[in-house]
Amino acid sequence: MIPELVDIGAKRRVLPLGRYSCSFDDIRERYVPDDDENRSAIWEGLLTVVNLVRGTVGSIAELWIGGSFITSEENPHDIDVVFFFKEECIKSVDNRGAFLLNLLSGRYGHDRRLNSYVDSYMMVVPPTEFENDASRGYTPWRGYWDQFWSKTRFEDDDKRWLYPAAGYLEVMIDGYDD
């Protein structure tokens, strides 16, 4: 369930601090009014990207969604998403999948957009049963995204921007079970 937005003194009302599990239907119901063309276009852009990524890579474990789209911002420019992939899924992609993953990882430069509505990033989730090279980098990056999505914009000189203050959304797609 997505909680109500709260006023914490930021530029917009935001979700209370935390990660909230929800479905695509929950997000659409809360953030995409039928008469809002801008939010509808962003939403359709997200669904297009999710379908492209899933069709190309084969599986998406989950998404984390943050940014102005899930705030009280009347005219967000895009939706911010981190795709989480199981490590074994990534190892079996073809050339098309490798190209898409390289794009999401930023290997082709800073712009990770698969369309103008979705600012995309990715994380590879290694199995936790043993430590390997991938798992050593995973934990700090997962913490980075948790803190980054927990930030919100305040007035320019307000140092609260540096610390977690807002919530974000988590959508399980294919999950981590085999």
C-alpha atoms as a PDB file:
ATOM      1  CA  MET A   1       0.000   0.000   0.000  1.00  0.00           C
ATOM      2  CA  ILE A   2       1.217   3.469  -0.870  1.00  0.00           C
ATOM      3  CA  PRO A   3       0.898   5.899   2.052  1.00  0.00           C
ATOM      4  CA  GLU A   4      -0.381   9.451   1.694  1.00  0.00           C
ATOM      5  CA  LEU A   5       2.107  12.171   0.813  1.00  0.00           C
ATOM      6  CA  VAL A   6       3.356  14.308   3.695  1.00  0.00           C
ATOM      7  CA  ASP A   7       4.670  17.851   4.015  1.00  0.00           C
ATOM      8  CA  ILE A   8       8.211  17.789   5.450  1.00  0.00           C
ATOM      9  CA  GLY A   9       9.090  21.340   4.445  1.00  0.00           C
ATOM     10  CA  ALA A  10      10.466  20.306   1.054  1.00  0.00           C
ATOM     11  CA  LYS A  11       9.529  21.823  -2.305  1.00  0.00           C
ATOM     12  CA  ARG A  12       6.870  19.109  -2.721  1.00  0.00           C
ATOM     13  CA  ARG A  13       4.846  16.750  -0.572  1.00  0.00           C
ATOM     14  CA  VAL A  14       6.584  13.358  -0.503  1.00  0.00           C
ATOM     15  CA  LEU A  15       6.113   9.818   0.713  1.00  0.00           C
ATOM     16  CA  PRO A  16       7.097   9.283   4.361  1.00  0.00           C
ATOM     17  CA  LEU A  17      10.644   7.967   4.706  1.00  0.00           C
ATOM     18  CA  GLY A  18      10.830   4.283   3.768  1.00  0.00           C
ATOM     19  CA  ARG A  19      10.525   1.824   0.895  1.00  0.00           C
ATOM     20  CA  TYR A  20       6.946   0.866   0.057  1.00  0.00           C
ATOM     21  CA  SER A  21       6.066  -2.317  -1.818  1.00  0.00           C
ATOM     22  CA  CYS A  22       3.255  -1.873  -4.289  1.00  0.00           C
ATOM     23  CA  SER A  23       2.009  -2.950  -7.707  1.00  0.00           C
ATOM     24  CA  PHE A  24       1.887  -1.125 -11.025  1.00  0.00           C
ATOM     25  CA  ASP A  25      -1.878  -0.867 -10.540  1.00  0.00           C
ATOM     26  CA  ASP A  26      -1.337   0.862  -7.181  1.00  0.00           C
ATOM     27  CA  ILE A  27       1.020   3.393  -8.772  1.00  0.00           C
ATOM     28  CA  ARG A  28      -1.279   4.078 -11.700  1.00  0.00           C
ATOM     29  CA  GLU A  29      -4.248   4.582  -9.392  1.00  0.00           C
ATOM     30  CA  ARG A  30      -2.333   6.997  -7.132  1.00  0.00           C
ATOM     31  CA  TYR A  31      -0.184   8.976  -9.569  1.00  0.00           C
ATOM     32  CA  VAL A  32      -1.852   8.845 -13.012  1.00  0.00           C
ATOM     33  CA  PRO A  33      -5.214  10.624 -13.102  1.00  0.00           C
ATOM     34  CA  ASP A  34      -7.173   9.840 -16.266  1.00  0.00           C
ATOM     35  CA  ASP A  35      -7.299  13.508 -17.283  1.00  0.00           C
ATOM     36  CA  ASP A  36      -3.545  14.189 -16.824  1.00  0.00           C
ATOM     37  CA  GLU A  37      -1.893  13.850 -20.244  1.00  0.00           C
ATOM     38  CA  ASN A  38       1.624  14.476 -18.922  1.00  0.00           C
ATOM     39  CA  ARG A  39       1.493  11.830 -16.191  1.00  0.00           C
ATOM     40  CA  SER A  40      -0.246   9.413 -18.575  1.00  0.00           C
ATOM     41  CA  ALA A  41       2.531   9.848 -21.159  1.00  0.00           C
ATOM     42  CA  ILE A  42       5.213   9.263 -18.517  1.00  0.00           C
ATOM     43  CA  TRP A  43       3.348   6.203 -17.260  1.00  0.00           C
ATOM     44  CA  GLU A  44       3.012   4.740 -20.758  1.00  0.00           C
ATOM     45  CA  GLY A  45       6.714   5.475 -21.302  1.00  0.00           C
ATOM     46  CA  LEU A  46       7.553   3.476 -18.175  1.00  0.00           C
ATOM     47  CA  LEU A  47       5.415   0.512 -19.240  1.00  0.00           C
ATOM     48  CA  THR A  48       7.056   0.574 -22.683  1.00  0.00           C
ATOM     49  CA  VAL A  49      10.534   0.522 -21.138  1.00  0.00           C
ATOM     50  CA  VAL A  50       9.634  -2.249 -18.671  1.00  0.00           C
ATOM     51  CA  ASN A  51       8.241  -4.384 -21.509  1.00  0.00           C
ATOM     52  CA  LEU A  52      11.322  -3.694 -23.675  1.00  0.00           C
ATOM     53  CA  VAL A  53      13.748  -4.549 -20.877  1.00  0.00           C
ATOM     54  CA  ARG A  54      11.854  -7.648 -19.817  1.00  0.00           C
ATOM     55  CA  GLY A  55      11.476  -8.841 -23.408  1.00  0.00           C
ATOM     56  CA  THR A  56      15.160  -8.270 -24.136  1.00  0.00           C
ATOM     57  CA  VAL A  57      16.756  -9.443 -20.902  1.00  0.00           C
ATOM     58  CA  GLY A  58      14.138 -12.061 -20.044  1.00  0.00           C
ATOM     59  CA  SER A  59      13.463 -11.200 -16.418  1.00  0.00           C
ATOM     60  CA  ILE A  60      13.357  -8.205 -14.082  1.00  0.00           C
ATOM     61  CA  ALA A  61      13.473  -9.095 -10.395  1.00  0.00           C
ATOM     62  CA  GLU A  62      12.124  -5.760  -9.170  1.00  0.00           C
ATOM     63  CA  LEU A  63      12.072  -1.988  -9.697  1.00  0.00           C
ATOM     64  CA  TRP A  64      12.659   0.883  -7.320  1.00  0.00           C
ATOM     65  CA  ILE A  65      10.853   4.067  -8.333  1.00  0.00           C
ATOM     66  CA  GLY A  66      11.697   7.530  -7.065  1.00  0.00           C
ATOM     67  CA  GLY A  67      11.813  11.150  -8.135  1.00  0.00           C
ATOM     68  CA  SER A  68       9.227  13.838  -8.720  1.00  0.00           C
ATOM     69  CA  PHE A  69       6.707  11.480 -10.345  1.00  0.00           C
ATOM     70  CA  ILE A  70       5.835  10.011  -6.947  1.00  0.00           C
ATOM     71  CA  THR A  71       5.525  13.401  -5.237  1.00  0.00           C
ATOM     72  CA  SER A  72       2.969  16.199  -5.396  1.00  0.00           C
ATOM     73  CA  GLU A  73       4.800  17.711  -8.403  1.00  0.00           C
ATOM     74  CA  GLU A  74       2.061  18.776 -10.816  1.00  0.00           C
ATOM     75  CA  ASN A  75       4.185  18.440 -13.965  1.00  0.00           C
ATOM     76  CA  PRO A  76       6.987  15.904 -13.505  1.00  0.00           C
ATOM     77  CA  HIS A  77       9.369  15.570 -16.450  1.00  0.00           C
ATOM     78  CA  ASP A  78      10.022  11.852 -16.090  1.00  0.00           C
ATOM     79  CA  ILE A  79      10.021   8.868 -13.759  1.00  0.00           C
ATOM     80  CA  ASP A  80      13.222   7.583 -12.139  1.00  0.00           C
ATOM     81  CA  VAL A  81      13.743   3.818 -11.997  1.00  0.00           C
ATOM     82  CA  VAL A  82      16.373   1.309 -10.887  1.00  0.00           C
ATOM     83  CA  PHE A  83      16.006  -2.126 -12.492  1.00  0.00           C
ATOM     84  CA  PHE A  84      17.207  -5.042 -10.340  1.00  0.00           C
ATOM     85  CA  PHE A  85      18.306  -8.185 -12.176  1.00  0.00           C
ATOM     86  CA  LYS A  86      19.318 -11.566 -10.775  1.00  0.00           C
ATOM     87  CA  GLU A  87      22.966 -12.245 -11.569  1.00  0.00           C
ATOM     88  CA  GLU A  88      22.226 -15.506 -13.420  1.00  0.00           C
ATOM     89  CA  CYS A  89      19.739 -13.713 -15.671  1.00  0.00           C
ATOM     90  CA  ILE A  90      22.391 -11.211 -16.745  1.00  0.00           C
ATOM     91  CA  LYS A  91      24.889 -13.948 -17.584  1.00  0.00           C
ATOM     92  CA  SER A  92      22.582 -15.481 -20.183  1.00  0.00           C
ATOM     93  CA  VAL A  93      21.644 -12.430 -22.304  1.00  0.00           C
ATOM     94  CA  ASP A  94      22.279 -12.273 -26.033  1.00  0.00           C
ATOM     95  CA  ASN A  95      23.969  -9.360 -27.857  1.00  0.00           C
ATOM     96  CA  ARG A  96      20.757  -7.313 -27.900  1.00  0.00           C
ATOM     97  CA  GLY A  97      20.363  -7.804 -24.151  1.00  0.00           C
ATOM     98  CA  ALA A  98      24.015  -6.946 -23.560  1.00  0.00           C
ATOM     99  CA  PHE A  99      23.581  -3.689 -25.495  1.00  0.00           C
ATOM    100  CA  LEU A 100      20.525  -2.741 -23.445  1.00  0.00           C
ATOM    101  CA  LEU A 101      22.261  -3.585 -20.149  1.00  0.00           C
ATOM    102  CA  ASN A 102      25.320  -1.560 -21.168  1.00  0.00           C
ATOM    103  CA  LEU A 103      23.011   1.367 -21.886  1.00  0.00           C
ATOM    104  CA  LEU A 104      21.313   1.048 -18.480  1.00  0.00           C
ATOM    105  CA  SER A 105      24.670   0.762 -16.724  1.00  0.00           C
ATOM    106  CA  GLY A 106      25.931   3.990 -18.290  1.00  0.00           C
ATOM    107  CA  ARG A 107      28.708   2.410 -20.352  1.00  0.00           C
ATOM    108  CA  TYR A 108      27.711   4.513 -23.370  1.00  0.00           C
ATOM    109  CA  GLY A 109      27.813   7.791 -21.480  1.00  0.00           C
ATOM    110  CA  HIS A 110      25.735   9.460 -18.814  1.00  0.00           C
ATOM    111  CA  ASP A 111      22.318   9.309 -20.540  1.00  0.00           C
ATOM    112  CA  ARG A 112      20.605   6.039 -19.616  1.00  0.00           C
ATOM    113  CA  ARG A 113      17.241   6.875 -21.126  1.00  0.00           C
ATOM    114  CA  LEU A 114      15.495   4.307 -23.257  1.00  0.00           C
ATOM    115  CA  ASN A 115      12.875   6.974 -23.956  1.00  0.00           C
ATOM    116  CA  SER A 116      12.388  10.582 -22.888  1.00  0.00           C
ATOM    117  CA  TYR A 117      10.065   9.669 -20.003  1.00  0.00           C
ATOM    118  CA  VAL A 118      12.187   7.190 -18.043  1.00  0.00           C
ATOM    119  CA  ASP A 119      15.495   7.867 -16.324  1.00  0.00           C
ATOM    120  CA  SER A 120      16.815   4.306 -15.916  1.00  0.00           C
ATOM    121  CA  TYR A 121      19.551   2.671 -13.884  1.00  0.00           C
ATOM    122  CA  MET A 122      20.345  -0.931 -13.036  1.00  0.00           C
ATOM    123  CA  MET A 123      21.666  -3.215 -10.317  1.00  0.00           C
ATOM    124  CA  VAL A 124      22.747  -6.825 -10.573  1.00  0.00           C
ATOM    125  CA  VAL A 125      21.792  -8.874  -7.514  1.00  0.00           C
ATOM    126  CA  PRO A 126      24.208 -11.741  -6.790  1.00  0.00           C
ATOM    127  CA  PRO A 127      23.102 -14.799  -4.837  1.00  0.00           C
ATOM    128  CA  THR A 128      23.715 -14.415  -1.107  1.00  0.00           C
ATOM    129  CA  GLU A 129      24.831 -17.982  -0.457  1.00  0.00           C
ATOM    130  CA  PHE A 130      28.495 -17.126  -1.064  1.00  0.00           C
ATOM    131  CA  GLU A 131      30.655 -14.051  -1.420  1.00  0.00           C
ATOM    132  CA  ASN A 132      32.016 -13.286  -4.869  1.00  0.00           C
ATOM    133  CA  ASP A 133      33.373 -10.235  -6.691  1.00  0.00           C
ATOM    134  CA  ALA A 134      29.873  -9.099  -7.629  1.00  0.00           C
ATOM    135  CA  SER A 135      28.549  -9.302  -4.075  1.00  0.00           C
ATOM    136  CA  ARG A 136      31.359  -7.114  -2.721  1.00  0.00           C
ATOM    137  CA  GLY A 137      30.150  -4.223  -4.883  1.00  0.00           C
ATOM    138  CA  TYR A 138      26.461  -4.945  -4.521  1.00  0.00           C
ATOM    139  CA  THR A 139      25.857  -3.933  -0.913  1.00  0.00           C
ATOM    140  CA  PRO A 140      27.334  -0.410  -1.161  1.00  0.00           C
ATOM    141  CA  TRP A 141      25.445   0.250  -4.412  1.00  0.00           C
ATOM    142  CA  ARG A 142      22.163  -0.991  -2.984  1.00  0.00           C
ATOM    143  CA  GLY A 143      22.715   1.350  -0.052  1.00  0.00           C
ATOM    144  CA  TYR A 144      23.545   4.178  -2.447  1.00  0.00           C
ATOM    145  CA  TRP A 145      20.224   3.795  -4.307  1.00  0.00           C
ATOM    146  CA  ASP A 146      18.302   3.446  -1.052  1.00  0.00           C
ATOM    147  CA  GLN A 147      19.732   6.743   0.177  1.00  0.00           C
ATOM    148  CA  PHE A 148      19.477   8.492  -3.198  1.00  0.00           C
ATOM    149  CA  TRP A 149      15.779   7.651  -3.659  1.00  0.00           C
ATOM    150  CA  SER A 150      15.188   8.783  -0.064  1.00  0.00           C
ATOM    151  CA  LYS A 151      16.308  12.333  -0.823  1.00  0.00           C
ATOM    152  CA  THR A 152      14.057  15.182  -1.875  1.00  0.00           C
ATOM    153  CA  ARG A 153      14.550  18.771  -2.923  1.00  0.00           C
ATOM    154  CA  PHE A 154      14.462  21.576  -0.394  1.00  0.00           C
ATOM    155  CA  GLU A 155      15.351  25.239  -0.860  1.00  0.00           C
ATOM    156  CA  ASP A 156      18.827  25.754  -2.331  1.00  0.00           C
ATOM    157  CA  ASP A 157      20.773  26.247   0.912  1.00  0.00           C
ATOM    158  CA  ASP A 158      18.937  23.598   2.929  1.00  0.00           C
ATOM    159  CA  LYS A 159      21.349  20.818   3.961  1.00  0.00           C
ATOM    160  CA  ARG A 160      18.472  18.353   4.468  1.00  0.00           C
ATOM    161  CA  TRP A 161      18.958  17.468   0.775  1.00  0.00           C
ATOM    162  CA  LEU A 162      22.054  15.552   1.891  1.00  0.00           C
ATOM    163  CA  TYR A 163      20.143  13.086   4.046  1.00  0.00           C
ATOM    164  CA  PRO A 164      17.261  10.620   3.664  1.00  0.00           C
ATOM    165  CA  ALA A 165      13.934  12.343   4.197  1.00  0.00           C
ATOM    166  CA  ALA A 166      11.408  10.859   1.751  1.00  0.00           C
ATOM    167  CA  GLY A 167      10.128   7.480   0.646  1.00  0.00           C
ATOM    168  CA  TYR A 168      10.195   5.583  -2.618  1.00  0.00           C
ATOM    169  CA  LEU A 169       8.391   2.627  -4.205  1.00  0.00           C
ATOM    170  CA  GLU A 170       9.345  -0.991  -4.847  1.00  0.00           C
ATOM    171  CA  VAL A 171       7.566  -3.138  -7.439  1.00  0.00           C
ATOM    172  CA  MET A 172       8.297  -6.872  -7.609  1.00  0.00           C
ATOM    173  CA  ILE A 173       8.030  -8.034 -11.179  1.00  0.00           C
ATOM    174  CA  ASP A 174       9.502 -11.532 -11.574  1.00  0.00           C
ATOM    175  CA  GLY A 175      10.986 -11.635  -8.084  1.00  0.00           C
ATOM    176  CA  TYR A 176      13.965 -13.650  -6.947  1.00  0.00           C
ATOM    177  CA  ASP A 177      12.440 -17.133  -6.808  1.00  0.00           C
ATOM    178  CA  ASP A 178      13.293 -19.571  -9.591  1.00  0.00           C
END
